[in-house]
Amino acid sequence: MASNKVLLERFGLMAEEDFAAILGVSVRTLKNRRRDELPDFVKAGRRRLFVEESVRDFLDAHRIRGRG
């Protein structure tokens, strides 16, 4: 049987804990954000699994460009 991590990778999903770590915030902080402030996600029971492509788009949209 495949592990959770393998299944998440296969479907291009990311655990909420991993997305929070990328942002440097707690999972509680993510839970307090409005839906329109987050990338696309799917619900799996009580868990939110973020779509990796949307996470990349979200991070690109919030990039701060240097002066160079």
C-alpha atoms as a PDB file:
ATOM      1  CA  MET A   1       0.000   0.000   0.000  1.00  0.00           C
ATOM      2  CA  ALA A   2       1.314   3.464  -0.902  1.00  0.00           C
ATOM      3  CA  SER A   3       2.141   5.917   1.852  1.00  0.00           C
ATOM      4  CA  ASN A   4       0.318   9.220   2.263  1.00  0.00           C
ATOM      5  CA  LYS A   5       3.341  11.149   0.968  1.00  0.00           C
ATOM      6  CA  VAL A   6       3.460   9.048  -2.217  1.00  0.00           C
ATOM      7  CA  LEU A   7      -0.265   9.522  -2.813  1.00  0.00           C
ATOM      8  CA  LEU A   8      -0.007  13.274  -2.273  1.00  0.00           C
ATOM      9  CA  GLU A   9       2.848  13.478  -4.773  1.00  0.00           C
ATOM     10  CA  ARG A  10       0.984  11.329  -7.288  1.00  0.00           C
ATOM     11  CA  PHE A  11      -2.013  13.681  -7.261  1.00  0.00           C
ATOM     12  CA  GLY A  12       0.042  16.889  -7.048  1.00  0.00           C
ATOM     13  CA  LEU A  13      -1.137  17.781  -3.555  1.00  0.00           C
ATOM     14  CA  MET A  14       0.609  19.230  -0.523  1.00  0.00           C
ATOM     15  CA  ALA A  15      -0.299  18.799   3.127  1.00  0.00           C
ATOM     16  CA  GLU A  16      -1.386  21.899   4.992  1.00  0.00           C
ATOM     17  CA  GLU A  17       1.539  21.467   7.387  1.00  0.00           C
ATOM     18  CA  ASP A  18       4.007  21.594   4.485  1.00  0.00           C
ATOM     19  CA  PHE A  19       2.438  24.728   3.011  1.00  0.00           C
ATOM     20  CA  ALA A  20       2.512  26.411   6.419  1.00  0.00           C
ATOM     21  CA  ALA A  21       6.205  25.535   6.733  1.00  0.00           C
ATOM     22  CA  ILE A  22       6.946  27.078   3.327  1.00  0.00           C
ATOM     23  CA  LEU A  23       5.274  30.315   4.430  1.00  0.00           C
ATOM     24  CA  GLY A  24       6.868  30.201   7.871  1.00  0.00           C
ATOM     25  CA  VAL A  25       3.522  30.364   9.661  1.00  0.00           C
ATOM     26  CA  SER A  26       1.570  27.987  11.845  1.00  0.00           C
ATOM     27  CA  VAL A  27      -1.234  25.772  10.597  1.00  0.00           C
ATOM     28  CA  ARG A  28      -3.539  27.756  12.873  1.00  0.00           C
ATOM     29  CA  THR A  29      -2.590  30.938  11.007  1.00  0.00           C
ATOM     30  CA  LEU A  30      -3.503  29.276   7.711  1.00  0.00           C
ATOM     31  CA  LYS A  31      -6.827  28.149   9.139  1.00  0.00           C
ATOM     32  CA  ASN A  32      -7.582  31.761  10.101  1.00  0.00           C
ATOM     33  CA  ARG A  33      -7.028  33.062   6.561  1.00  0.00           C
ATOM     34  CA  ARG A  34      -9.971  33.556   4.239  1.00  0.00           C
ATOM     35  CA  ARG A  35     -10.344  31.222   1.271  1.00  0.00           C
ATOM     36  CA  ASP A  36      -9.600  34.004  -1.204  1.00  0.00           C
ATOM     37  CA  GLU A  37      -6.221  34.548   0.498  1.00  0.00           C
ATOM     38  CA  LEU A  38      -5.089  30.964  -0.159  1.00  0.00           C
ATOM     39  CA  PRO A  39      -4.186  28.842  -3.178  1.00  0.00           C
ATOM     40  CA  ASP A  40      -6.606  26.157  -4.374  1.00  0.00           C
ATOM     41  CA  PHE A  41      -7.097  23.197  -2.072  1.00  0.00           C
ATOM     42  CA  VAL A  42      -9.218  20.081  -1.765  1.00  0.00           C
ATOM     43  CA  LYS A  43     -10.869  18.791   1.377  1.00  0.00           C
ATOM     44  CA  ALA A  44     -10.062  15.251   2.449  1.00  0.00           C
ATOM     45  CA  GLY A  45     -12.082  14.658   5.569  1.00  0.00           C
ATOM     46  CA  ARG A  46     -11.059  17.506   7.856  1.00  0.00           C
ATOM     47  CA  ARG A  47      -7.738  18.052   6.128  1.00  0.00           C
ATOM     48  CA  ARG A  48      -7.003  20.653   3.482  1.00  0.00           C
ATOM     49  CA  LEU A  49      -4.628  19.484   0.778  1.00  0.00           C
ATOM     50  CA  PHE A  50      -3.196  22.273  -1.344  1.00  0.00           C
ATOM     51  CA  VAL A  51      -2.800  21.862  -5.103  1.00  0.00           C
ATOM     52  CA  GLU A  52       0.946  22.163  -5.793  1.00  0.00           C
ATOM     53  CA  GLU A  53       0.479  24.071  -9.059  1.00  0.00           C
ATOM     54  CA  SER A  54      -1.694  26.629  -7.247  1.00  0.00           C
ATOM     55  CA  VAL A  55       0.900  26.903  -4.476  1.00  0.00           C
ATOM     56  CA  ARG A  56       3.563  27.743  -7.085  1.00  0.00           C
ATOM     57  CA  ASP A  57       1.246  30.335  -8.670  1.00  0.00           C
ATOM     58  CA  PHE A  58       0.469  31.782  -5.228  1.00  0.00           C
ATOM     59  CA  LEU A  59       4.165  32.120  -4.386  1.00  0.00           C
ATOM     60  CA  ASP A  60       4.918  33.705  -7.783  1.00  0.00           C
ATOM     61  CA  ALA A  61       2.092  36.208  -7.286  1.00  0.00           C
ATOM     62  CA  HIS A  62       3.531  37.208  -3.904  1.00  0.00           C
ATOM     63  CA  ARG A  63       7.120  37.517  -5.105  1.00  0.00           C
ATOM     64  CA  ILE A  64       8.844  40.793  -4.341  1.00  0.00           C
ATOM     65  CA  ARG A  65      11.226  41.705  -7.123  1.00  0.00           C
ATOM     66  CA  GLY A  66      14.634  43.193  -6.403  1.00  0.00           C
ATOM     67  CA  ARG A  67      15.880  46.462  -7.809  1.00  0.00           C
ATOM     68  CA  GLY A  68      18.466  44.867 -10.095  1.00  0.00           C
END
